[in-house]
Amino acid sequence: MNAVRTEYSLEEIGNAINYWLAHEQAEPFSIGPNARALADIYGVMLYQRRTRVAATQLTERQINALTVALHQLPLI
């Protein structure tokens, strides 16, 4: 049984962005929609010098992108 996540770390979001950059098709000189959604919150966290973000502050797309990426990372 999976526990419901209440927060994510900056490192987890960075790892998820890297996962999507490697696995998502995008036009040259751009990033795909899942990496972009995560990059939005990653940039805000860096600017605000935050190391964690509450799951309630993320969009559904961001939660889904994190969930998929974080479950796939150990398999790479």
PDB file of N, CA and C in Angstrom:
ATOM      1  N   MET A   1       0.843  -1.177   0.000  1.00  0.00           N
ATOM      2  CA  MET A   1       0.000   0.000   0.000  1.00  0.00           C
ATOM      3  C   MET A   1       0.889   1.242   0.000  1.00  0.00           C
ATOM      4  N   ASN A   2       0.593   2.187  -0.889  1.00  0.00           N
ATOM      5  CA  ASN A   2       1.373   3.417  -0.976  1.00  0.00           C
ATOM      6  C   ASN A   2       0.796   4.475  -0.057  1.00  0.00           C
ATOM      7  N   ALA A   3       1.655   5.111   0.710  1.00  0.00           N
ATOM      8  CA  ALA A   3       1.229   6.209   1.566  1.00  0.00           C
ATOM      9  C   ALA A   3       1.042   7.457   0.710  1.00  0.00           C
ATOM     10  N   VAL A   4       0.122   8.295   1.095  1.00  0.00           N
ATOM     11  CA  VAL A   4      -0.117   9.539   0.381  1.00  0.00           C
ATOM     12  C   VAL A   4       1.001  10.510   0.737  1.00  0.00           C
ATOM     13  N   ARG A   5       1.637  11.077  -0.273  1.00  0.00           N
ATOM     14  CA  ARG A   5       2.724  12.025  -0.057  1.00  0.00           C
ATOM     15  C   ARG A   5       2.156  13.373   0.366  1.00  0.00           C
ATOM     16  N   THR A   6       2.773  13.980   1.359  1.00  0.00           N
ATOM     17  CA  THR A   6       2.346  15.308   1.800  1.00  0.00           C
ATOM     18  C   THR A   6       3.308  16.395   1.356  1.00  0.00           C
ATOM     19  N   GLU A   7       4.550  16.002   0.988  1.00  0.00           N
ATOM     20  CA  GLU A   7       5.510  16.977   0.507  1.00  0.00           C
ATOM     21  C   GLU A   7       6.574  16.313  -0.352  1.00  0.00           C
ATOM     22  N   TYR A   8       7.279  17.133  -1.105  1.00  0.00           N
ATOM     23  CA  TYR A   8       8.351  16.668  -1.986  1.00  0.00           C
ATOM     24  C   TYR A   8       9.567  17.556  -1.771  1.00  0.00           C
ATOM     25  N   SER A   9      10.748  16.965  -1.935  1.00  0.00           N
ATOM     26  CA  SER A   9      11.977  17.733  -1.766  1.00  0.00           C
ATOM     27  C   SER A   9      12.420  18.331  -3.098  1.00  0.00           C
ATOM     28  N   LEU A  10      13.274  19.342  -3.003  1.00  0.00           N
ATOM     29  CA  LEU A  10      13.852  19.954  -4.188  1.00  0.00           C
ATOM     30  C   LEU A  10      14.632  18.913  -4.988  1.00  0.00           C
ATOM     31  N   GLU A  11      15.349  18.048  -4.293  1.00  0.00           N
ATOM     32  CA  GLU A  11      16.115  16.993  -4.965  1.00  0.00           C
ATOM     33  C   GLU A  11      15.205  16.041  -5.735  1.00  0.00           C
ATOM     34  N   GLU A  12      14.075  15.648  -5.139  1.00  0.00           N
ATOM     35  CA  GLU A  12      13.138  14.758  -5.829  1.00  0.00           C
ATOM     36  C   GLU A  12      12.587  15.414  -7.088  1.00  0.00           C
ATOM     37  N   ILE A  13      12.274  16.685  -6.993  1.00  0.00           N
ATOM     38  CA  ILE A  13      11.737  17.389  -8.158  1.00  0.00           C
ATOM     39  C   ILE A  13      12.806  17.493  -9.239  1.00  0.00           C
ATOM     40  N   GLY A  14      14.037  17.777  -8.852  1.00  0.00           N
ATOM     41  CA  GLY A  14      15.139  17.822  -9.815  1.00  0.00           C
ATOM     42  C   GLY A  14      15.353  16.483 -10.496  1.00  0.00           C
ATOM     43  N   ASN A  15      15.300  15.397  -9.713  1.00  0.00           N
ATOM     44  CA  ASN A  15      15.436  14.053 -10.288  1.00  0.00           C
ATOM     45  C   ASN A  15      14.295  13.747 -11.253  1.00  0.00           C
ATOM     46  N   ALA A  16      13.092  14.164 -10.904  1.00  0.00           N
ATOM     47  CA  ALA A  16      11.941  13.934 -11.778  1.00  0.00           C
ATOM     48  C   ALA A  16      12.073  14.730 -13.079  1.00  0.00           C
ATOM     49  N   ILE A  17      12.570  15.951 -12.993  1.00  0.00           N
ATOM     50  CA  ILE A  17      12.797  16.742 -14.206  1.00  0.00           C
ATOM     51  C   ILE A  17      13.793  16.019 -15.108  1.00  0.00           C
ATOM     52  N   ASN A  18      14.877  15.531 -14.534  1.00  0.00           N
ATOM     53  CA  ASN A  18      15.881  14.794 -15.322  1.00  0.00           C
ATOM     54  C   ASN A  18      15.293  13.547 -15.950  1.00  0.00           C
ATOM     55  N   TYR A  19      14.427  12.853 -15.217  1.00  0.00           N
ATOM     56  CA  TYR A  19      13.756  11.670 -15.774  1.00  0.00           C
ATOM     57  C   TYR A  19      12.963  12.066 -17.018  1.00  0.00           C
ATOM     58  N   TRP A  20      12.151  13.129 -16.897  1.00  0.00           N
ATOM     59  CA  TRP A  20      11.308  13.528 -18.023  1.00  0.00           C
ATOM     60  C   TRP A  20      12.126  14.070 -19.183  1.00  0.00           C
ATOM     61  N   LEU A  21      13.231  14.751 -18.891  1.00  0.00           N
ATOM     62  CA  LEU A  21      14.089  15.231 -19.977  1.00  0.00           C
ATOM     63  C   LEU A  21      14.629  14.071 -20.803  1.00  0.00           C
ATOM     64  N   ALA A  22      14.902  12.951 -20.142  1.00  0.00           N
ATOM     65  CA  ALA A  22      15.445  11.773 -20.827  1.00  0.00           C
ATOM     66  C   ALA A  22      14.368  10.934 -21.504  1.00  0.00           C
ATOM     67  N   HIS A  23      13.111  11.049 -21.070  1.00  0.00           N
ATOM     68  CA  HIS A  23      12.079  10.129 -21.549  1.00  0.00           C
ATOM     69  C   HIS A  23      10.909  10.783 -22.268  1.00  0.00           C
ATOM     70  N   GLU A  24      10.936  12.076 -22.429  1.00  0.00           N
ATOM     71  CA  GLU A  24       9.796  12.761 -23.035  1.00  0.00           C
ATOM     72  C   GLU A  24      10.237  13.433 -24.341  1.00  0.00           C
ATOM     73  N   GLN A  25       9.461  13.234 -25.382  1.00  0.00           N
ATOM     74  CA  GLN A  25       9.745  13.856 -26.667  1.00  0.00           C
ATOM     75  C   GLN A  25       9.450  15.357 -26.583  1.00  0.00           C
ATOM     76  N   ALA A  26      10.342  16.154 -27.159  1.00  0.00           N
ATOM     77  CA  ALA A  26      10.133  17.601 -27.204  1.00  0.00           C
ATOM     78  C   ALA A  26      10.767  18.142 -28.486  1.00  0.00           C
ATOM     79  N   GLU A  27      10.334  19.312 -28.869  1.00  0.00           N
ATOM     80  CA  GLU A  27      10.922  20.004 -30.014  1.00  0.00           C
ATOM     81  C   GLU A  27      12.357  20.387 -29.662  1.00  0.00           C
ATOM     82  N   PRO A  28      13.203  20.579 -30.660  1.00  0.00           N
ATOM     83  CA  PRO A  28      14.569  21.036 -30.373  1.00  0.00           C
ATOM     84  C   PRO A  28      14.556  22.343 -29.561  1.00  0.00           C
ATOM     85  N   PHE A  29      15.458  22.458 -28.619  1.00  0.00           N
ATOM     86  CA  PHE A  29      15.611  23.641 -27.767  1.00  0.00           C
ATOM     87  C   PHE A  29      14.398  23.913 -26.887  1.00  0.00           C
ATOM     88  N   SER A  30      13.662  22.858 -26.559  1.00  0.00           N
ATOM     89  CA  SER A  30      12.532  22.997 -25.637  1.00  0.00           C
ATOM     90  C   SER A  30      12.446  21.742 -24.780  1.00  0.00           C
ATOM     91  N   ILE A  31      11.593  21.801 -23.780  1.00  0.00           N
ATOM     92  CA  ILE A  31      11.386  20.623 -22.935  1.00  0.00           C
ATOM     93  C   ILE A  31       9.923  20.224 -23.010  1.00  0.00           C
ATOM     94  N   GLY A  32       9.658  18.979 -22.706  1.00  0.00           N
ATOM     95  CA  GLY A  32       8.295  18.458 -22.789  1.00  0.00           C
ATOM     96  C   GLY A  32       7.397  18.991 -21.686  1.00  0.00           C
ATOM     97  N   PRO A  33       6.113  18.702 -21.785  1.00  0.00           N
ATOM     98  CA  PRO A  33       5.137  19.276 -20.854  1.00  0.00           C
ATOM     99  C   PRO A  33       5.319  18.842 -19.392  1.00  0.00           C
ATOM    100  N   ASN A  34       5.721  17.610 -19.153  1.00  0.00           N
ATOM    101  CA  ASN A  34       5.901  17.180 -17.765  1.00  0.00           C
ATOM    102  C   ASN A  34       7.131  17.831 -17.138  1.00  0.00           C
ATOM    103  N   ALA A  35       8.227  17.878 -17.883  1.00  0.00           N
ATOM    104  CA  ALA A  35       9.431  18.552 -17.384  1.00  0.00           C
ATOM    105  C   ALA A  35       9.150  20.037 -17.164  1.00  0.00           C
ATOM    106  N   ARG A  36       8.398  20.654 -18.059  1.00  0.00           N
ATOM    107  CA  ARG A  36       8.064  22.083 -17.929  1.00  0.00           C
ATOM    108  C   ARG A  36       7.224  22.327 -16.679  1.00  0.00           C
ATOM    109  N   ALA A  37       6.234  21.473 -16.439  1.00  0.00           N
ATOM    110  CA  ALA A  37       5.379  21.642 -15.260  1.00  0.00           C
ATOM    111  C   ALA A  37       6.211  21.568 -13.977  1.00  0.00           C
ATOM    112  N   LEU A  38       7.159  20.643 -13.946  1.00  0.00           N
ATOM    113  CA  LEU A  38       8.004  20.511 -12.758  1.00  0.00           C
ATOM    114  C   LEU A  38       9.032  21.635 -12.669  1.00  0.00           C
ATOM    115  N   ALA A  39       9.521  22.096 -13.805  1.00  0.00           N
ATOM    116  CA  ALA A  39      10.490  23.194 -13.808  1.00  0.00           C
ATOM    117  C   ALA A  39       9.877  24.467 -13.235  1.00  0.00           C
ATOM    118  N   ASP A  40       8.580  24.650 -13.428  1.00  0.00           N
ATOM    119  CA  ASP A  40       7.901  25.828 -12.880  1.00  0.00           C
ATOM    120  C   ASP A  40       8.041  25.872 -11.361  1.00  0.00           C
ATOM    121  N   ILE A  41       7.724  24.790 -10.688  1.00  0.00           N
ATOM    122  CA  ILE A  41       7.803  24.770  -9.222  1.00  0.00           C
ATOM    123  C   ILE A  41       9.258  24.730  -8.763  1.00  0.00           C
ATOM    124  N   TYR A  42      10.118  24.064  -9.521  1.00  0.00           N
ATOM    125  CA  TYR A  42      11.539  23.988  -9.177  1.00  0.00           C
ATOM    126  C   TYR A  42      12.150  25.392  -9.162  1.00  0.00           C
ATOM    127  N   GLY A  43      11.842  26.176 -10.162  1.00  0.00           N
ATOM    128  CA  GLY A  43      12.347  27.550 -10.229  1.00  0.00           C
ATOM    129  C   GLY A  43      11.863  28.402  -9.069  1.00  0.00           C
ATOM    130  N   VAL A  44      10.598  28.272  -8.731  1.00  0.00           N
ATOM    131  CA  VAL A  44      10.042  29.017  -7.594  1.00  0.00           C
ATOM    132  C   VAL A  44      10.738  28.608  -6.301  1.00  0.00           C
ATOM    133  N   MET A  45      10.942  27.316  -6.127  1.00  0.00           N
ATOM    134  CA  MET A  45      11.601  26.830  -4.916  1.00  0.00           C
ATOM    135  C   MET A  45      13.030  27.363  -4.821  1.00  0.00           C
ATOM    136  N   LEU A  46      13.762  27.358  -5.925  1.00  0.00           N
ATOM    137  CA  LEU A  46      15.120  27.900  -5.914  1.00  0.00           C
ATOM    138  C   LEU A  46      15.105  29.376  -5.552  1.00  0.00           C
ATOM    139  N   TYR A  47      14.214  30.122  -6.166  1.00  0.00           N
ATOM    140  CA  TYR A  47      14.127  31.555  -5.917  1.00  0.00           C
ATOM    141  C   TYR A  47      13.801  31.837  -4.447  1.00  0.00           C
ATOM    142  N   GLN A  48      12.894  31.059  -3.883  1.00  0.00           N
ATOM    143  CA  GLN A  48      12.479  31.256  -2.494  1.00  0.00           C
ATOM    144  C   GLN A  48      13.376  30.521  -1.492  1.00  0.00           C
ATOM    145  N   ARG A  49      14.391  29.839  -2.006  1.00  0.00           N
ATOM    146  CA  ARG A  49      15.339  29.076  -1.179  1.00  0.00           C
ATOM    147  C   ARG A  49      14.628  28.045  -0.291  1.00  0.00           C
ATOM    148  N   ARG A  50      13.675  27.359  -0.904  1.00  0.00           N
ATOM    149  CA  ARG A  50      12.919  26.310  -0.201  1.00  0.00           C
ATOM    150  C   ARG A  50      13.483  24.959  -0.585  1.00  0.00           C
ATOM    151  N   THR A  51      13.542  24.054   0.372  1.00  0.00           N
ATOM    152  CA  THR A  51      14.036  22.705   0.093  1.00  0.00           C
ATOM    153  C   THR A  51      12.903  21.696   0.000  1.00  0.00           C
ATOM    154  N   ARG A  52      11.702  22.084   0.414  1.00  0.00           N
ATOM    155  CA  ARG A  52      10.553  21.187   0.370  1.00  0.00           C
ATOM    156  C   ARG A  52       9.322  21.987  -0.058  1.00  0.00           C
ATOM    157  N   VAL A  53       8.373  21.284  -0.664  1.00  0.00           N
ATOM    158  CA  VAL A  53       7.110  21.902  -1.054  1.00  0.00           C
ATOM    159  C   VAL A  53       5.982  20.953  -0.663  1.00  0.00           C
ATOM    160  N   ALA A  54       4.907  21.514  -0.150  1.00  0.00           N
ATOM    161  CA  ALA A  54       3.736  20.715   0.218  1.00  0.00           C
ATOM    162  C   ALA A  54       3.024  20.242  -1.043  1.00  0.00           C
ATOM    163  N   ALA A  55       2.541  19.023  -1.005  1.00  0.00           N
ATOM    164  CA  ALA A  55       1.812  18.464  -2.146  1.00  0.00           C
ATOM    165  C   ALA A  55       0.581  19.309  -2.475  1.00  0.00           C
ATOM    166  N   THR A  56       0.013  19.960  -1.480  1.00  0.00           N
ATOM    167  CA  THR A  56      -1.175  20.789  -1.704  1.00  0.00           C
ATOM    168  C   THR A  56      -0.866  22.026  -2.543  1.00  0.00           C
ATOM    169  N   GLN A  57       0.417  22.378  -2.680  1.00  0.00           N
ATOM    170  CA  GLN A  57       0.799  23.536  -3.477  1.00  0.00           C
ATOM    171  C   GLN A  57       1.103  23.167  -4.932  1.00  0.00           C
ATOM    172  N   LEU A  58       1.005  21.897  -5.263  1.00  0.00           N
ATOM    173  CA  LEU A  58       1.301  21.422  -6.607  1.00  0.00           C
ATOM    174  C   LEU A  58       0.021  21.198  -7.392  1.00  0.00           C
ATOM    175  N   THR A  59       0.119  21.342  -8.700  1.00  0.00           N
ATOM    176  CA  THR A  59      -1.022  21.056  -9.560  1.00  0.00           C
ATOM    177  C   THR A  59      -1.153  19.536  -9.729  1.00  0.00           C
ATOM    178  N   GLU A  60      -2.277  19.123 -10.258  1.00  0.00           N
ATOM    179  CA  GLU A  60      -2.487  17.698 -10.522  1.00  0.00           C
ATOM    180  C   GLU A  60      -1.444  17.181 -11.516  1.00  0.00           C
ATOM    181  N   ARG A  61      -1.137  17.963 -12.532  1.00  0.00           N
ATOM    182  CA  ARG A  61      -0.128  17.561 -13.517  1.00  0.00           C
ATOM    183  C   ARG A  61       1.233  17.376 -12.851  1.00  0.00           C
ATOM    184  N   GLN A  62       1.611  18.292 -11.960  1.00  0.00           N
ATOM    185  CA  GLN A  62       2.892  18.183 -11.264  1.00  0.00           C
ATOM    186  C   GLN A  62       2.946  16.933 -10.385  1.00  0.00           C
ATOM    187  N   ILE A  63       1.874  16.658  -9.678  1.00  0.00           N
ATOM    188  CA  ILE A  63       1.808  15.462  -8.833  1.00  0.00           C
ATOM    189  C   ILE A  63       1.938  14.208  -9.697  1.00  0.00           C
ATOM    190  N   ASN A  64       1.222  14.165 -10.799  1.00  0.00           N
ATOM    191  CA  ASN A  64       1.283  12.996 -11.685  1.00  0.00           C
ATOM    192  C   ASN A  64       2.680  12.822 -12.269  1.00  0.00           C
ATOM    193  N   ALA A  65       3.303  13.910 -12.707  1.00  0.00           N
ATOM    194  CA  ALA A  65       4.655  13.833 -13.276  1.00  0.00           C
ATOM    195  C   ALA A  65       5.649  13.351 -12.224  1.00  0.00           C
ATOM    196  N   LEU A  66       5.528  13.843 -11.005  1.00  0.00           N
ATOM    197  CA  LEU A  66       6.409  13.403  -9.918  1.00  0.00           C
ATOM    198  C   LEU A  66       6.190  11.932  -9.599  1.00  0.00           C
ATOM    199  N   THR A  67       4.949  11.521  -9.502  1.00  0.00           N
ATOM    200  CA  THR A  67       4.628  10.143  -9.143  1.00  0.00           C
ATOM    201  C   THR A  67       5.205   9.166 -10.161  1.00  0.00           C
ATOM    202  N   VAL A  68       4.981   9.438 -11.422  1.00  0.00           N
ATOM    203  CA  VAL A  68       5.501   8.547 -12.474  1.00  0.00           C
ATOM    204  C   VAL A  68       7.022   8.525 -12.441  1.00  0.00           C
ATOM    205  N   ALA A  69       7.643   9.691 -12.431  1.00  0.00           N
ATOM    206  CA  ALA A  69       9.103   9.769 -12.490  1.00  0.00           C
ATOM    207  C   ALA A  69       9.759   9.119 -11.271  1.00  0.00           C
ATOM    208  N   LEU A  70       9.244   9.411 -10.099  1.00  0.00           N
ATOM    209  CA  LEU A  70       9.868   8.879  -8.883  1.00  0.00           C
ATOM    210  C   LEU A  70       9.701   7.369  -8.745  1.00  0.00           C
ATOM    211  N   HIS A  71       8.626   6.834  -9.326  1.00  0.00           N
ATOM    212  CA  HIS A  71       8.453   5.371  -9.299  1.00  0.00           C
ATOM    213  C   HIS A  71       9.298   4.690 -10.358  1.00  0.00           C
ATOM    214  N   GLN A  72       9.658   5.407 -11.421  1.00  0.00           N
ATOM    215  CA  GLN A  72      10.452   4.834 -12.496  1.00  0.00           C
ATOM    216  C   GLN A  72      11.954   4.968 -12.280  1.00  0.00           C
ATOM    217  N   LEU A  73      12.387   5.976 -11.532  1.00  0.00           N
ATOM    218  CA  LEU A  73      13.814   6.236 -11.377  1.00  0.00           C
ATOM    219  C   LEU A  73      14.629   5.011 -10.949  1.00  0.00           C
ATOM    220  N   PRO A  74      14.174   4.215  -9.979  1.00  0.00           N
ATOM    221  CA  PRO A  74      14.988   3.069  -9.587  1.00  0.00           C
ATOM    222  C   PRO A  74      15.148   2.028 -10.688  1.00  0.00           C
ATOM    223  N   LEU A  75      14.294   2.052 -11.689  1.00  0.00           N
ATOM    224  CA  LEU A  75      14.323   1.059 -12.750  1.00  0.00           C
ATOM    225  C   LEU A  75      15.288   1.422 -13.858  1.00  0.00           C
ATOM    226  N   ILE A  76      15.794   2.647 -13.875  1.00  0.00           N
ATOM    227  CA  ILE A  76      16.654   3.107 -14.964  1.00  0.00           C
ATOM    228  C   ILE A  76      18.036   2.485 -14.830  1.00  0.00           C
TER     229      ILE A  76
END
